[in-house]
């Protein structure tokens, strides 16, 4: 019975032997580290492409939702910033008017 190390070497050798033009080699190469970790942990390696597709789809959906949430948050913050900017301009205008009014009153004393 081969050892874990020997099985991993057989897998690595198969990937190398298949070469870059192989249909299978890129797939195996993409999961080699997970398979090695499973073998090292005494977990039976499972290469389930449908599960991988589902995980990728879930990750993409999460990323899309996160982006939408971030965009909405940014839009909300920009709207609040515009409101605050308008309030600041109004307050500056009112302050300027009060200062000018106070100057006029002082000039008449």
Protein backbone atom coordinates (compact mmCIF):
# COMPACT_ATOMS: atom_id res chain seq x y z
CA UNK A 1 0.00 0.00 0.00
CA UNK A 2 1.47 3.38 -1.00
CA UNK A 3 2.13 6.06 1.63
CA UNK A 4 0.45 9.44 1.63
CA UNK A 5 3.64 11.02 0.31
CA UNK A 6 3.87 8.45 -2.47
CA UNK A 7 0.24 9.06 -3.50
CA UNK A 8 0.84 12.81 -3.61
CA UNK A 9 3.96 12.25 -5.74
CA UNK A 10 1.93 10.03 -8.12
CA UNK A 11 -0.68 12.79 -8.42
CA UNK A 12 1.97 15.45 -9.02
CA UNK A 13 3.66 13.18 -11.57
CA UNK A 14 0.36 12.63 -13.38
CA UNK A 15 -0.27 16.35 -13.57
CA UNK A 16 3.24 16.94 -14.94
CA UNK A 17 2.90 14.06 -17.39
CA UNK A 18 -0.41 15.34 -18.72
CA UNK A 19 1.17 18.71 -19.53
CA UNK A 20 -0.27 22.15 -20.03
CA UNK A 21 -2.27 21.21 -23.13
CA UNK A 22 -4.24 18.61 -21.18
CA UNK A 23 -7.90 18.99 -20.32
CA UNK A 24 -7.43 17.35 -16.94
CA UNK A 25 -4.12 18.82 -15.78
CA UNK A 26 -5.40 22.39 -15.16
CA UNK A 27 -8.32 20.99 -13.16
CA UNK A 28 -6.07 18.79 -11.05
CA UNK A 29 -3.53 21.58 -10.67
CA UNK A 30 -6.26 23.88 -9.33
CA UNK A 31 -7.13 21.46 -6.51
CA UNK A 32 -3.75 19.87 -5.76
CA UNK A 33 -3.21 21.79 -2.51
CA UNK A 34 -6.66 20.94 -1.20
CA UNK A 35 -6.20 17.28 -2.12
CA UNK A 36 -2.79 17.23 -0.44
CA UNK A 37 -4.28 18.79 2.70
CA UNK A 38 -7.10 16.24 2.71
CA UNK A 39 -4.68 13.34 2.33
CA UNK A 40 -2.45 14.75 5.09
CA UNK A 41 -5.52 15.09 7.36
CA UNK A 42 -6.78 11.57 6.58
CA UNK A 43 -9.82 13.00 4.83
CA UNK A 44 -10.95 11.21 1.69
CA UNK A 45 -10.32 13.67 -1.17
CA UNK A 46 -13.50 14.70 -2.91
CA UNK A 47 -13.27 16.62 -6.13
CA UNK A 48 -16.81 17.72 -6.77
CA UNK A 49 -17.07 20.18 -9.63
CA UNK A 50 -20.75 20.90 -8.99
CA UNK A 51 -19.99 21.82 -5.39
CA UNK A 52 -17.16 24.02 -6.60
CA UNK A 53 -19.49 25.72 -9.10
CA UNK A 54 -22.03 26.31 -6.34
CA UNK A 55 -19.37 27.78 -4.08
CA UNK A 56 -18.15 30.06 -6.85
CA UNK A 57 -21.73 31.11 -7.64
CA UNK A 58 -22.38 31.83 -3.96
CA UNK A 59 -19.14 33.81 -3.72
CA UNK A 60 -20.04 35.82 -6.81
CA UNK A 61 -23.55 36.49 -5.49
CA UNK A 62 -22.08 37.62 -2.17
CA UNK A 63 -19.58 39.87 -3.94
CA UNK A 64 -22.35 41.36 -6.08
CA UNK A 65 -24.55 42.00 -3.03
CA UNK A 66 -21.62 43.50 -1.16
CA UNK A 67 -20.90 45.80 -4.09
CA UNK A 68 -24.55 46.85 -4.27
CA UNK A 69 -24.57 47.51 -0.52
CA UNK A 70 -21.38 49.54 -0.82
CA UNK A 71 -22.78 51.52 -3.76
CA UNK A 72 -25.99 52.26 -1.82
CA UNK A 73 -24.01 53.28 1.25
CA UNK A 74 -21.83 55.56 -0.87
CA UNK A 75 -24.89 57.12 -2.50
CA UNK A 76 -26.51 57.70 0.89
CA UNK A 77 -23.33 59.30 2.23
CA UNK A 78 -23.00 61.52 -0.83
CA UNK A 79 -26.61 62.68 -0.43
CA UNK A 80 -26.02 63.43 3.26
CA UNK A 81 -22.80 65.25 2.39
CA UNK A 82 -24.69 67.40 -0.13
CA UNK A 83 -27.30 68.23 2.53
CA UNK A 84 -24.61 69.14 5.04
CA UNK A 85 -22.81 71.25 2.46
CA UNK A 86 -26.02 73.13 1.67
CA UNK A 87 -26.65 73.68 5.40
CA UNK A 88 -23.09 74.94 5.85
CA UNK A 89 -23.51 77.42 2.99
CA UNK A 90 -26.81 78.61 4.44
CA UNK A 91 -25.27 79.05 7.89
CA UNK A 92 -22.30 80.93 6.43
CA UNK A 93 -24.68 83.18 4.50
CA UNK A 94 -26.73 83.86 7.65
CA UNK A 95 -23.57 84.51 9.68
CA UNK A 96 -22.26 86.93 7.03
CA UNK A 97 -25.60 88.76 7.04
CA UNK A 98 -25.58 89.01 10.85
CA UNK A 99 -22.00 90.28 10.85
CA UNK A 100 -22.84 92.91 8.24
CA UNK A 101 -25.95 93.87 10.19
CA UNK A 102 -23.91 94.16 13.40
CA UNK A 103 -21.33 96.32 11.58
CA UNK A 104 -24.07 98.63 10.35
CA UNK A 105 -25.52 98.91 13.87
CA UNK A 106 -22.07 99.67 15.29
CA UNK A 107 -21.50 102.28 12.61
CA UNK A 108 -24.64 104.14 13.75
CA UNK A 109 -23.55 104.33 17.40
